[in-house]
């Protein structure tokens, strides 16, 4: 019975081989003609869920900058002119500036003065990534268990409730850099998950452009005999 099924499957593969990216090598071993999709090894990625996490990020970025510039007494200028209008962009600039000051760095707030004094420029940029979804559905038993845990969250202690989270289709990529005269001194990027409902905090609102109206020209009609 098993042998018959094997021949049946083999015949099916041969018949459909013309339309499938699979084949056999000279030794009869089955192989794929295209690279097979493979999952990444198990990893962890943090999730932004509170303003406190913005402060944690600002401190981590500040420490990385201070470590890279250890012993360098050059003043800094945190450039937020092109950072955007989102709550996160503006809040992150304030938090990073405050942290650098508390750590003893001289931070200039005037761009013209910073240029005259040769200050290093701290820049940051961010991208909100929205994925279209996964190519697989979670097993039914997994969904059932997650729903059961979620339903019982109100009975959990705070320290356990805060550890319950899930992956989302939305991520934040933030890059912080220190530059000076077209030289990149420090650069680093981090990725975080975002709650889908929190995207507004990270999205820039379009800036309204006011176009002045041209002065109207009065036309006087004169009756000429």
N, C-alpha and C. Protein backbone atom coordinates (compact mmCIF):
# COMPACT_ATOMS: atom_id res chain seq x y z
N UNK A 1 0.83 -1.21 0.00
CA UNK A 1 0.00 0.00 0.00
C UNK A 1 0.87 1.26 0.00
N UNK A 2 1.87 1.30 0.88
CA UNK A 2 2.75 2.46 0.95
C UNK A 2 3.53 2.64 -0.33
N UNK A 3 3.95 1.50 -0.93
CA UNK A 3 4.71 1.56 -2.17
C UNK A 3 3.86 2.12 -3.29
N UNK A 4 2.61 1.73 -3.31
CA UNK A 4 1.70 2.23 -4.35
C UNK A 4 1.48 3.72 -4.21
N UNK A 5 1.32 4.15 -2.96
CA UNK A 5 1.13 5.58 -2.72
C UNK A 5 2.37 6.35 -3.16
N UNK A 6 3.56 5.77 -2.89
CA UNK A 6 4.80 6.42 -3.30
C UNK A 6 4.88 6.59 -4.79
N UNK A 7 4.53 5.50 -5.54
CA UNK A 7 4.54 5.61 -7.00
C UNK A 7 3.52 6.63 -7.48
N UNK A 8 2.38 6.69 -6.81
CA UNK A 8 1.33 7.63 -7.20
C UNK A 8 1.81 9.06 -7.00
N UNK A 9 2.44 9.32 -5.87
CA UNK A 9 2.94 10.66 -5.61
C UNK A 9 4.05 11.02 -6.58
N UNK A 10 4.94 10.02 -6.85
CA UNK A 10 6.02 10.27 -7.78
C UNK A 10 5.51 10.60 -9.16
N UNK A 11 4.48 9.85 -9.59
CA UNK A 11 3.91 10.13 -10.89
C UNK A 11 3.26 11.49 -10.95
N UNK A 12 2.63 11.90 -9.86
CA UNK A 12 2.00 13.21 -9.80
C UNK A 12 3.03 14.32 -9.94
N UNK A 13 4.17 14.16 -9.23
CA UNK A 13 5.23 15.17 -9.30
C UNK A 13 5.80 15.26 -10.70
N UNK A 14 5.94 14.10 -11.38
CA UNK A 14 6.49 14.11 -12.73
C UNK A 14 5.54 14.81 -13.68
N UNK A 15 4.25 14.52 -13.53
CA UNK A 15 3.26 15.12 -14.41
C UNK A 15 3.14 16.61 -14.21
N UNK A 16 3.31 17.06 -12.97
CA UNK A 16 3.15 18.48 -12.67
C UNK A 16 4.49 19.21 -12.61
N UNK A 17 5.59 18.49 -12.87
CA UNK A 17 6.91 19.09 -12.76
C UNK A 17 7.11 20.27 -13.68
N UNK A 18 6.45 20.26 -14.81
CA UNK A 18 6.63 21.36 -15.76
C UNK A 18 6.12 22.69 -15.22
N UNK A 19 5.19 22.62 -14.29
CA UNK A 19 4.60 23.85 -13.78
C UNK A 19 5.02 24.14 -12.34
N UNK A 20 5.92 23.30 -11.79
CA UNK A 20 6.35 23.49 -10.41
C UNK A 20 7.86 23.70 -10.37
N UNK A 21 8.35 24.54 -9.45
CA UNK A 21 9.79 24.81 -9.36
C UNK A 21 10.55 23.73 -8.60
N UNK A 22 10.25 22.47 -8.90
CA UNK A 22 10.92 21.36 -8.23
C UNK A 22 11.44 20.39 -9.28
N UNK A 23 12.47 19.63 -8.93
CA UNK A 23 13.03 18.68 -9.88
C UNK A 23 13.81 17.62 -9.11
N UNK A 24 14.50 16.74 -9.87
CA UNK A 24 15.33 15.70 -9.28
C UNK A 24 16.73 15.83 -9.86
N UNK A 25 17.74 15.54 -9.02
CA UNK A 25 19.10 15.57 -9.54
C UNK A 25 19.45 14.23 -10.17
N UNK A 26 20.71 14.08 -10.57
CA UNK A 26 21.14 12.86 -11.28
C UNK A 26 21.01 11.62 -10.41
N UNK A 27 21.05 11.77 -9.09
CA UNK A 27 20.93 10.63 -8.18
C UNK A 27 19.50 10.37 -7.76
N UNK A 28 18.58 11.13 -8.32
CA UNK A 28 17.18 10.92 -7.98
C UNK A 28 16.72 11.64 -6.74
N UNK A 29 17.55 12.56 -6.22
CA UNK A 29 17.17 13.30 -5.03
C UNK A 29 16.28 14.48 -5.39
N UNK A 30 15.23 14.66 -4.64
CA UNK A 30 14.27 15.74 -4.88
C UNK A 30 14.83 17.06 -4.37
N UNK A 31 14.74 18.09 -5.16
CA UNK A 31 15.23 19.39 -4.72
C UNK A 31 14.41 20.50 -5.35
N UNK A 32 14.53 21.68 -4.77
CA UNK A 32 13.81 22.85 -5.27
C UNK A 32 14.73 23.66 -6.16
N UNK A 33 14.18 24.21 -7.25
CA UNK A 33 14.95 25.03 -8.16
C UNK A 33 15.04 26.49 -7.71
N UNK A 34 14.29 26.84 -6.71
CA UNK A 34 14.30 28.21 -6.20
C UNK A 34 14.62 28.16 -4.71
N UNK A 35 15.19 29.23 -4.15
CA UNK A 35 15.47 29.25 -2.71
C UNK A 35 14.19 29.09 -1.90
N UNK A 36 14.23 28.26 -0.88
CA UNK A 36 13.07 28.05 -0.02
C UNK A 36 13.03 29.09 1.08
N UNK A 37 11.83 29.57 1.39
CA UNK A 37 11.67 30.54 2.48
C UNK A 37 12.02 29.89 3.81
N UNK A 38 12.78 30.62 4.62
CA UNK A 38 13.21 30.09 5.92
C UNK A 38 12.97 31.12 7.00
N UNK A 39 12.48 30.70 8.12
CA UNK A 39 12.24 31.61 9.23
C UNK A 39 13.55 31.99 9.89
N UNK A 40 13.56 33.20 10.46
CA UNK A 40 14.72 33.63 11.23
C UNK A 40 14.75 32.87 12.56
N UNK A 41 15.93 32.74 13.15
CA UNK A 41 16.01 32.14 14.50
C UNK A 41 15.21 32.99 15.49
N UNK A 42 14.86 32.41 16.59
CA UNK A 42 14.07 33.09 17.62
C UNK A 42 14.82 34.32 18.14
N UNK A 43 14.16 35.46 18.10
CA UNK A 43 14.74 36.70 18.61
C UNK A 43 13.67 37.49 19.37
N UNK A 44 14.10 38.53 20.06
CA UNK A 44 13.19 39.39 20.81
C UNK A 44 13.28 40.81 20.27
N UNK A 45 12.16 41.50 20.23
CA UNK A 45 12.13 42.89 19.81
C UNK A 45 11.18 43.65 20.72
N UNK A 46 11.66 44.76 21.28
CA UNK A 46 10.86 45.50 22.24
C UNK A 46 9.72 46.25 21.54
N UNK A 47 8.75 46.67 22.36
CA UNK A 47 7.55 47.31 21.83
C UNK A 47 7.33 48.63 22.54
N UNK A 48 7.11 49.69 21.78
CA UNK A 48 6.80 51.01 22.33
C UNK A 48 5.33 51.05 22.76
N UNK A 49 5.10 51.28 24.05
CA UNK A 49 3.72 51.29 24.52
C UNK A 49 3.43 52.42 25.50
N UNK A 50 4.42 53.29 25.76
CA UNK A 50 4.21 54.39 26.71
C UNK A 50 5.23 55.48 26.46
N UNK A 51 4.92 56.70 26.92
CA UNK A 51 5.87 57.80 26.81
C UNK A 51 7.16 57.50 27.56
N UNK A 52 7.08 56.70 28.61
CA UNK A 52 8.27 56.31 29.36
C UNK A 52 9.27 55.59 28.46
N UNK A 53 8.76 54.83 27.51
CA UNK A 53 9.65 54.12 26.59
C UNK A 53 10.40 55.09 25.68
N UNK A 54 9.82 56.24 25.38
CA UNK A 54 10.52 57.27 24.61
C UNK A 54 11.72 57.77 25.41
N UNK A 55 11.51 57.94 26.72
CA UNK A 55 12.59 58.40 27.58
C UNK A 55 13.70 57.36 27.69
N UNK A 56 13.31 56.09 27.76
CA UNK A 56 14.30 55.01 27.80
C UNK A 56 15.13 55.01 26.52
N UNK A 57 14.46 55.19 25.38
CA UNK A 57 15.16 55.25 24.10
C UNK A 57 16.11 56.44 24.05
N UNK A 58 15.66 57.60 24.52
CA UNK A 58 16.50 58.80 24.52
C UNK A 58 17.75 58.58 25.37
N UNK A 59 17.61 57.91 26.50
CA UNK A 59 18.75 57.65 27.36
C UNK A 59 19.72 56.66 26.71
N UNK A 60 19.18 55.64 26.05
CA UNK A 60 20.06 54.68 25.39
C UNK A 60 20.83 55.35 24.25
N UNK A 61 20.14 56.18 23.47
CA UNK A 61 20.82 56.88 22.37
C UNK A 61 21.83 57.88 22.92
N UNK A 62 21.45 58.57 24.00
CA UNK A 62 22.38 59.51 24.62
C UNK A 62 23.63 58.82 25.13
N UNK A 63 23.48 57.67 25.78
CA UNK A 63 24.64 56.92 26.28
C UNK A 63 25.53 56.45 25.14
N UNK A 64 24.91 56.04 24.04
CA UNK A 64 25.70 55.57 22.90
C UNK A 64 26.51 56.72 22.30
N UNK A 65 25.90 57.92 22.23
CA UNK A 65 26.60 59.09 21.72
C UNK A 65 27.76 59.47 22.64
N UNK A 66 27.49 59.49 23.94
CA UNK A 66 28.52 59.87 24.91
C UNK A 66 29.68 58.87 24.91
N UNK A 67 29.37 57.61 24.75
CA UNK A 67 30.42 56.59 24.73
C UNK A 67 31.29 56.74 23.48
N UNK A 68 30.64 57.01 22.33
CA UNK A 68 31.39 57.16 21.08
C UNK A 68 32.26 58.41 21.10
N UNK A 69 31.79 59.47 21.80
CA UNK A 69 32.52 60.74 21.84
C UNK A 69 33.27 60.93 23.16
N UNK A 70 33.56 59.84 23.82
CA UNK A 70 34.21 59.92 25.14
C UNK A 70 35.50 60.73 25.05
N UNK A 71 35.62 61.72 25.92
CA UNK A 71 36.81 62.56 25.95
C UNK A 71 36.76 63.75 25.01
N UNK A 72 35.76 63.78 24.12
CA UNK A 72 35.61 64.88 23.18
C UNK A 72 34.76 65.98 23.83
N UNK A 73 35.32 67.16 23.99
CA UNK A 73 34.63 68.25 24.68
C UNK A 73 33.84 69.15 23.73
N UNK A 74 33.76 68.79 22.46
CA UNK A 74 33.02 69.60 21.49
C UNK A 74 31.55 69.67 21.86
N UNK A 75 30.97 70.86 21.75
CA UNK A 75 29.56 71.03 22.07
C UNK A 75 28.68 70.36 21.02
N UNK A 76 27.41 70.17 21.37
CA UNK A 76 26.46 69.50 20.49
C UNK A 76 25.31 70.42 20.15
N UNK A 77 24.69 70.14 19.02
CA UNK A 77 23.46 70.84 18.63
C UNK A 77 22.48 69.80 18.14
N UNK A 78 21.34 69.66 18.82
CA UNK A 78 20.33 68.68 18.44
C UNK A 78 19.43 69.32 17.39
N UNK A 79 19.56 68.86 16.16
CA UNK A 79 18.85 69.46 15.04
C UNK A 79 17.49 68.78 14.85
N UNK A 80 16.45 69.51 15.21
CA UNK A 80 15.10 69.00 15.02
C UNK A 80 14.32 69.77 13.99
N UNK A 81 15.01 70.59 13.19
CA UNK A 81 14.31 71.44 12.22
C UNK A 81 13.58 70.64 11.16
N UNK A 82 14.16 69.48 10.80
CA UNK A 82 13.53 68.64 9.77
C UNK A 82 12.97 67.36 10.37
N UNK A 83 12.76 67.38 11.68
CA UNK A 83 12.35 66.15 12.35
C UNK A 83 10.88 65.81 12.12
N UNK A 84 10.06 66.78 11.80
CA UNK A 84 8.64 66.51 11.59
C UNK A 84 7.79 67.01 12.74
N UNK A 85 6.50 66.78 12.61
CA UNK A 85 5.55 67.36 13.56
C UNK A 85 4.92 66.35 14.51
N UNK A 86 5.28 65.09 14.42
CA UNK A 86 4.64 64.09 15.26
C UNK A 86 5.01 64.28 16.72
N UNK A 87 4.16 63.78 17.59
CA UNK A 87 4.42 63.89 19.03
C UNK A 87 5.71 63.19 19.40
N UNK A 88 6.00 62.05 18.78
CA UNK A 88 7.22 61.32 19.11
C UNK A 88 8.45 62.10 18.70
N UNK A 89 8.47 62.66 17.52
CA UNK A 89 9.65 63.39 17.04
C UNK A 89 9.97 64.55 17.98
N UNK A 90 8.96 65.33 18.32
CA UNK A 90 9.20 66.50 19.18
C UNK A 90 9.55 66.08 20.60
N UNK A 91 8.86 65.07 21.10
CA UNK A 91 9.15 64.59 22.45
C UNK A 91 10.53 63.97 22.54
N UNK A 92 10.94 63.22 21.53
CA UNK A 92 12.25 62.59 21.56
C UNK A 92 13.36 63.63 21.54
N UNK A 93 13.18 64.71 20.79
CA UNK A 93 14.19 65.77 20.77
C UNK A 93 14.36 66.38 22.16
N UNK A 94 13.26 66.67 22.82
CA UNK A 94 13.34 67.26 24.17
C UNK A 94 14.00 66.30 25.15
N UNK A 95 13.60 65.03 25.09
CA UNK A 95 14.15 64.04 26.03
C UNK A 95 15.64 63.81 25.80
N UNK A 96 16.05 63.73 24.54
CA UNK A 96 17.46 63.51 24.24
C UNK A 96 18.30 64.72 24.64
N UNK A 97 17.79 65.92 24.35
CA UNK A 97 18.51 67.13 24.72
C UNK A 97 18.69 67.22 26.23
N UNK A 98 17.62 66.99 26.97
CA UNK A 98 17.68 67.05 28.43
C UNK A 98 18.67 66.04 29.00
N UNK A 99 18.67 64.83 28.44
CA UNK A 99 19.56 63.79 28.96
C UNK A 99 21.03 64.16 28.71
N UNK A 100 21.34 64.67 27.53
CA UNK A 100 22.71 65.04 27.23
C UNK A 100 23.20 66.15 28.17
N UNK A 101 22.30 67.09 28.49
CA UNK A 101 22.66 68.19 29.39
C UNK A 101 22.92 67.65 30.80
N UNK A 102 22.07 66.75 31.26
CA UNK A 102 22.26 66.20 32.61
C UNK A 102 23.55 65.39 32.72
N UNK A 103 24.05 64.91 31.58
CA UNK A 103 25.29 64.14 31.58
C UNK A 103 26.52 65.03 31.39
N UNK A 104 26.30 66.35 31.41
CA UNK A 104 27.43 67.27 31.38
C UNK A 104 27.84 67.78 30.02
N UNK A 105 27.11 67.43 28.96
CA UNK A 105 27.47 67.92 27.64
C UNK A 105 26.95 69.35 27.44
N UNK A 106 27.73 70.14 26.72
CA UNK A 106 27.30 71.49 26.35
C UNK A 106 26.45 71.37 25.09
N UNK A 107 25.18 71.73 25.20
CA UNK A 107 24.25 71.63 24.08
C UNK A 107 23.79 73.04 23.71
N UNK A 108 24.09 73.44 22.50
CA UNK A 108 23.69 74.76 22.01
C UNK A 108 22.32 74.67 21.35
N UNK A 109 21.52 75.72 21.54
CA UNK A 109 20.16 75.70 21.01
C UNK A 109 19.99 76.60 19.79
N UNK A 110 20.98 77.42 19.49
CA UNK A 110 20.92 78.31 18.34
C UNK A 110 21.76 77.70 17.21
N UNK A 111 21.14 77.45 16.08
CA UNK A 111 21.83 76.79 14.97
C UNK A 111 22.99 77.63 14.44
N UNK A 112 22.81 78.93 14.33
CA UNK A 112 23.86 79.80 13.81
C UNK A 112 25.06 79.82 14.77
N UNK A 113 24.77 79.92 16.07
CA UNK A 113 25.83 79.91 17.07
C UNK A 113 26.55 78.57 17.09
N UNK A 114 25.79 77.49 16.90
CA UNK A 114 26.40 76.16 16.88
C UNK A 114 27.37 76.02 15.72
N UNK A 115 27.01 76.57 14.57
CA UNK A 115 27.89 76.50 13.41
C UNK A 115 29.17 77.31 13.64
N UNK A 116 29.02 78.50 14.24
CA UNK A 116 30.19 79.35 14.51
C UNK A 116 31.15 78.69 15.48
N UNK A 117 30.62 77.89 16.41
CA UNK A 117 31.45 77.24 17.42
C UNK A 117 31.90 75.83 17.02
N UNK A 118 31.56 75.43 15.81
CA UNK A 118 31.98 74.10 15.34
C UNK A 118 31.35 72.95 16.08
N UNK A 119 30.12 73.13 16.55
CA UNK A 119 29.44 72.08 17.32
C UNK A 119 29.10 70.89 16.43
N UNK A 120 29.08 69.71 17.03
CA UNK A 120 28.62 68.52 16.33
C UNK A 120 27.09 68.56 16.25
N UNK A 121 26.54 68.07 15.16
CA UNK A 121 25.09 68.08 14.97
C UNK A 121 24.51 66.69 15.23
N UNK A 122 23.54 66.63 16.12
CA UNK A 122 22.84 65.38 16.41
C UNK A 122 21.53 65.39 15.61
N UNK A 123 21.38 64.41 14.74
CA UNK A 123 20.17 64.30 13.92
C UNK A 123 19.50 62.96 14.18
N UNK A 124 18.22 62.92 13.94
CA UNK A 124 17.50 61.65 14.04
C UNK A 124 16.41 61.62 12.99
N UNK A 125 16.16 60.45 12.47
CA UNK A 125 15.09 60.26 11.49
C UNK A 125 14.38 58.95 11.79
N UNK A 126 13.16 58.86 11.36
CA UNK A 126 12.37 57.68 11.69
C UNK A 126 11.46 57.30 10.54
N UNK A 127 11.10 56.03 10.53
CA UNK A 127 10.19 55.50 9.52
C UNK A 127 9.19 54.58 10.23
N UNK A 128 7.92 54.77 9.93
CA UNK A 128 6.89 53.86 10.43
C UNK A 128 6.64 52.81 9.35
N UNK A 129 6.86 51.55 9.69
CA UNK A 129 6.71 50.46 8.74
C UNK A 129 5.39 49.77 8.96
N UNK A 130 4.61 49.63 7.92
CA UNK A 130 3.30 48.97 8.00
C UNK A 130 3.31 47.77 7.07
N UNK A 131 3.35 46.59 7.66
CA UNK A 131 3.38 45.37 6.87
C UNK A 131 1.96 44.93 6.52
N UNK A 132 1.84 44.23 5.41
CA UNK A 132 0.51 43.83 4.94
C UNK A 132 -0.07 42.64 5.63
N UNK A 133 0.67 42.01 6.51
CA UNK A 133 0.15 40.83 7.20
C UNK A 133 1.08 39.65 7.01
N UNK A 134 0.77 38.56 7.67
CA UNK A 134 1.61 37.37 7.61
C UNK A 134 1.10 36.42 6.53
N UNK A 135 1.98 35.53 6.08
CA UNK A 135 1.61 34.55 5.07
C UNK A 135 1.11 33.26 5.69
N UNK A 136 0.82 33.27 6.97
CA UNK A 136 0.33 32.07 7.61
C UNK A 136 -0.69 32.46 8.67
N UNK A 137 -1.54 31.53 9.00
CA UNK A 137 -2.53 31.75 10.04
C UNK A 137 -2.09 30.99 11.29
N UNK A 138 -2.22 31.59 12.48
CA UNK A 138 -1.81 30.88 13.69
C UNK A 138 -2.72 29.69 13.96
N UNK A 139 -2.18 28.63 14.55
CA UNK A 139 -3.01 27.45 14.85
C UNK A 139 -4.19 27.83 15.74
N UNK A 140 -5.28 27.10 15.56
CA UNK A 140 -6.51 27.41 16.29
C UNK A 140 -6.31 27.32 17.80
N UNK A 141 -5.52 26.33 18.25
CA UNK A 141 -5.31 26.16 19.69
C UNK A 141 -4.55 27.35 20.26
N UNK A 142 -3.64 27.94 19.45
CA UNK A 142 -2.87 29.09 19.92
C UNK A 142 -3.78 30.29 20.09
N UNK A 143 -4.67 30.51 19.13
CA UNK A 143 -5.62 31.63 19.21
C UNK A 143 -6.51 31.47 20.42
N UNK A 144 -6.97 30.24 20.67
CA UNK A 144 -7.85 29.98 21.81
C UNK A 144 -7.15 30.30 23.13
N UNK A 145 -5.88 29.88 23.24
CA UNK A 145 -5.14 30.12 24.47
C UNK A 145 -4.87 31.60 24.69
N UNK A 146 -4.55 32.32 23.61
CA UNK A 146 -4.30 33.75 23.74
C UNK A 146 -5.56 34.47 24.19
N UNK A 147 -6.69 34.10 23.62
CA UNK A 147 -7.96 34.72 24.02
C UNK A 147 -8.26 34.45 25.49
N UNK A 148 -7.96 33.25 25.93
CA UNK A 148 -8.21 32.91 27.34
C UNK A 148 -7.32 33.73 28.26
N UNK A 149 -6.05 33.89 27.86
CA UNK A 149 -5.14 34.69 28.68
C UNK A 149 -5.57 36.14 28.70
N UNK A 150 -5.95 36.66 27.51
CA UNK A 150 -6.38 38.05 27.41
C UNK A 150 -7.62 38.31 28.26
N UNK A 151 -8.54 37.36 28.24
CA UNK A 151 -9.78 37.53 29.01
C UNK A 151 -9.50 37.58 30.51
N UNK A 152 -8.42 36.94 30.94
CA UNK A 152 -8.13 36.91 32.37
C UNK A 152 -7.12 37.92 32.83
N UNK A 153 -6.76 38.87 31.94
CA UNK A 153 -5.73 39.83 32.29
C UNK A 153 -6.11 40.71 33.48
N UNK A 154 -7.42 41.02 33.59
CA UNK A 154 -7.81 41.94 34.65
C UNK A 154 -7.56 41.35 36.04
N UNK A 155 -7.34 40.04 36.12
CA UNK A 155 -7.08 39.40 37.41
C UNK A 155 -5.59 39.19 37.67
N UNK A 156 -4.73 39.68 36.75
CA UNK A 156 -3.30 39.47 36.92
C UNK A 156 -2.67 40.64 37.64
N UNK A 157 -1.61 40.39 38.40
CA UNK A 157 -0.85 41.49 39.01
C UNK A 157 -0.26 42.39 37.92
N UNK A 158 0.02 43.64 38.26
CA UNK A 158 0.51 44.60 37.27
C UNK A 158 1.81 44.14 36.62
N UNK A 159 2.72 43.57 37.40
CA UNK A 159 4.01 43.20 36.83
C UNK A 159 3.89 42.06 35.83
N UNK A 160 2.82 41.25 35.94
CA UNK A 160 2.59 40.20 34.96
C UNK A 160 1.79 40.73 33.77
N UNK A 161 0.84 41.60 34.04
CA UNK A 161 0.01 42.16 32.98
C UNK A 161 0.88 42.92 31.98
N UNK A 162 1.88 43.63 32.47
CA UNK A 162 2.73 44.43 31.60
C UNK A 162 3.61 43.60 30.69
N UNK A 163 3.79 42.32 31.01
CA UNK A 163 4.63 41.46 30.18
C UNK A 163 3.84 40.78 29.08
N UNK A 164 2.53 40.89 29.11
CA UNK A 164 1.71 40.27 28.07
C UNK A 164 1.60 41.22 26.89
N UNK A 165 2.15 40.86 25.77
CA UNK A 165 2.07 41.68 24.57
C UNK A 165 2.09 40.76 23.37
N UNK A 166 1.98 41.34 22.19
CA UNK A 166 1.98 40.52 20.99
C UNK A 166 2.64 41.29 19.85
N UNK A 167 3.02 40.56 18.82
CA UNK A 167 3.56 41.20 17.64
C UNK A 167 2.46 41.97 16.92
N UNK A 168 2.84 43.03 16.22
CA UNK A 168 1.89 43.76 15.40
C UNK A 168 2.47 43.92 14.01
N UNK A 169 1.65 44.41 13.08
CA UNK A 169 2.10 44.64 11.71
C UNK A 169 2.79 45.98 11.57
N UNK A 170 2.88 46.75 12.66
CA UNK A 170 3.46 48.10 12.60
C UNK A 170 4.75 48.15 13.40
N UNK A 171 5.78 48.72 12.79
CA UNK A 171 7.08 48.85 13.44
C UNK A 171 7.62 50.26 13.28
N UNK A 172 8.53 50.60 14.15
CA UNK A 172 9.20 51.90 14.11
C UNK A 172 10.69 51.68 13.91
N UNK A 173 11.25 52.31 12.88
CA UNK A 173 12.69 52.31 12.65
C UNK A 173 13.21 53.71 12.92
N UNK A 174 14.09 53.85 13.91
CA UNK A 174 14.63 55.16 14.25
C UNK A 174 16.16 55.11 14.16
N UNK A 175 16.72 56.12 13.53
CA UNK A 175 18.17 56.23 13.34
C UNK A 175 18.65 57.54 13.95
N UNK A 176 19.66 57.47 14.80
CA UNK A 176 20.26 58.65 15.42
C UNK A 176 21.70 58.78 14.94
N UNK A 177 22.07 59.99 14.52
CA UNK A 177 23.41 60.21 13.97
C UNK A 177 24.02 61.48 14.53
N UNK A 178 25.34 61.50 14.59
CA UNK A 178 26.11 62.69 14.94
C UNK A 178 27.01 63.00 13.75
N UNK A 179 26.90 64.21 13.22
CA UNK A 179 27.69 64.59 12.04
C UNK A 179 28.46 65.87 12.32
N UNK A 180 29.50 66.07 11.50
CA UNK A 180 30.28 67.31 11.58
C UNK A 180 30.98 67.53 10.24
N UNK A 181 30.62 68.63 9.60
CA UNK A 181 31.22 69.00 8.31
C UNK A 181 31.18 67.82 7.33
N UNK A 182 29.99 67.30 7.12
CA UNK A 182 29.75 66.19 6.17
C UNK A 182 30.43 64.88 6.58
N UNK A 183 30.90 64.80 7.82
CA UNK A 183 31.46 63.56 8.33
C UNK A 183 30.48 62.91 9.29
N UNK A 184 30.30 61.61 9.14
CA UNK A 184 29.42 60.85 10.03
C UNK A 184 30.25 60.29 11.17
N UNK A 185 30.03 60.83 12.37
CA UNK A 185 30.82 60.43 13.53
C UNK A 185 30.19 59.26 14.28
N UNK A 186 28.86 59.29 14.42
CA UNK A 186 28.13 58.25 15.15
C UNK A 186 26.86 57.94 14.38
N UNK A 187 26.49 56.69 14.30
CA UNK A 187 25.24 56.31 13.65
C UNK A 187 24.77 54.98 14.20
N UNK A 188 23.48 54.90 14.46
CA UNK A 188 22.90 53.66 14.96
C UNK A 188 21.40 53.65 14.73
N UNK A 189 20.84 52.46 14.50
CA UNK A 189 19.41 52.31 14.23
C UNK A 189 18.81 51.26 15.16
N UNK A 190 17.55 51.46 15.50
CA UNK A 190 16.83 50.51 16.34
C UNK A 190 15.43 50.29 15.76
N UNK A 191 14.90 49.09 16.01
CA UNK A 191 13.56 48.73 15.55
C UNK A 191 12.69 48.38 16.75
N UNK A 192 11.44 48.83 16.71
CA UNK A 192 10.47 48.56 17.77
C UNK A 192 9.13 48.20 17.15
N UNK A 193 8.39 47.38 17.85
CA UNK A 193 6.99 47.17 17.48
C UNK A 193 6.16 48.35 18.00
N UNK A 194 5.09 48.67 17.29
CA UNK A 194 4.13 49.69 17.72
C UNK A 194 2.74 49.08 17.78
N UNK A 195 1.96 49.50 18.75
CA UNK A 195 0.54 49.15 18.72
C UNK A 195 -0.09 49.84 17.51
N UNK A 196 -0.91 49.11 16.78
CA UNK A 196 -1.52 49.68 15.57
C UNK A 196 -2.29 50.96 15.86
N UNK A 197 -2.89 51.03 17.05
CA UNK A 197 -3.67 52.22 17.40
C UNK A 197 -2.83 53.41 17.81
N UNK A 198 -1.50 53.22 17.96
CA UNK A 198 -0.63 54.31 18.40
C UNK A 198 0.10 55.01 17.26
N UNK A 199 -0.20 54.62 16.02
CA UNK A 199 0.55 55.14 14.87
C UNK A 199 0.45 56.65 14.78
N UNK A 200 -0.67 57.23 15.21
CA UNK A 200 -0.85 58.68 15.11
C UNK A 200 0.25 59.43 15.88
N UNK A 201 0.74 58.86 16.96
CA UNK A 201 1.79 59.53 17.74
C UNK A 201 3.12 59.61 16.98
N UNK A 202 3.25 58.79 15.95
CA UNK A 202 4.51 58.72 15.22
C UNK A 202 4.38 59.23 13.78
N UNK A 203 3.19 59.64 13.39
CA UNK A 203 2.95 60.08 12.02
C UNK A 203 2.92 61.60 11.95
N UNK A 204 3.64 62.14 10.99
CA UNK A 204 3.68 63.59 10.81
C UNK A 204 2.42 64.07 10.11
N UNK A 205 1.89 65.15 10.62
CA UNK A 205 0.73 65.75 9.98
C UNK A 205 1.20 66.63 8.83
N UNK A 206 0.50 66.59 7.71
CA UNK A 206 0.93 67.43 6.58
C UNK A 206 0.90 68.91 6.94
N UNK A 207 1.93 69.58 6.52
CA UNK A 207 2.05 71.01 6.80
C UNK A 207 1.27 71.80 5.76
N UNK A 208 0.38 72.65 6.24
CA UNK A 208 -0.42 73.45 5.31
C UNK A 208 0.45 74.56 4.72
N UNK A 209 0.43 74.65 3.42
CA UNK A 209 1.19 75.68 2.72
C UNK A 209 0.24 76.81 2.34
N UNK A 210 0.54 77.99 2.86
CA UNK A 210 -0.30 79.14 2.58
C UNK A 210 0.29 79.90 1.40
N UNK A 211 -0.47 80.00 0.34
CA UNK A 211 -0.02 80.71 -0.85
C UNK A 211 -0.70 82.07 -0.87
N UNK A 212 0.09 83.14 -0.79
CA UNK A 212 -0.54 84.47 -0.79
C UNK A 212 -1.23 84.75 -2.11
N UNK A 213 -2.37 85.38 -2.00
CA UNK A 213 -3.13 85.72 -3.20
C UNK A 213 -2.52 86.93 -3.88
N UNK A 214 -2.51 86.89 -5.19
CA UNK A 214 -1.99 88.03 -5.95
C UNK A 214 -2.94 89.21 -5.80
N UNK A 215 -2.39 90.40 -5.67
CA UNK A 215 -3.27 91.57 -5.54
C UNK A 215 -4.17 91.72 -6.76
N UNK A 216 -5.42 91.99 -6.48
CA UNK A 216 -6.38 92.12 -7.58
C UNK A 216 -6.16 93.43 -8.32
N UNK A 217 -6.38 93.38 -9.58
CA UNK A 217 -6.23 94.57 -10.42
C UNK A 217 -7.60 95.07 -10.85
N UNK A 218 -7.91 96.30 -10.47
CA UNK A 218 -9.21 96.87 -10.85
C UNK A 218 -9.21 97.31 -12.31
N UNK A 219 -10.27 97.05 -12.97
CA UNK A 219 -10.40 97.45 -14.38
C UNK A 219 -11.51 98.48 -14.50
N UNK A 220 -11.16 99.59 -15.03
CA UNK A 220 -12.13 100.68 -15.19
C UNK A 220 -12.49 100.80 -16.67
N UNK A 221 -13.78 100.72 -16.93
CA UNK A 221 -14.26 100.83 -18.32
C UNK A 221 -14.66 102.26 -18.59
N UNK A 222 -14.05 102.81 -19.60
CA UNK A 222 -14.31 104.21 -19.95
C UNK A 222 -14.98 104.24 -21.31
N UNK A 223 -16.06 104.95 -21.33
CA UNK A 223 -16.78 105.09 -22.61
C UNK A 223 -16.15 106.22 -23.42
N UNK A 224 -15.54 105.83 -24.51
CA UNK A 224 -14.86 106.81 -25.36
C UNK A 224 -15.74 107.10 -26.57
N UNK A 225 -16.07 108.35 -26.77
CA UNK A 225 -16.91 108.73 -27.94
C UNK A 225 -16.10 108.69 -29.22
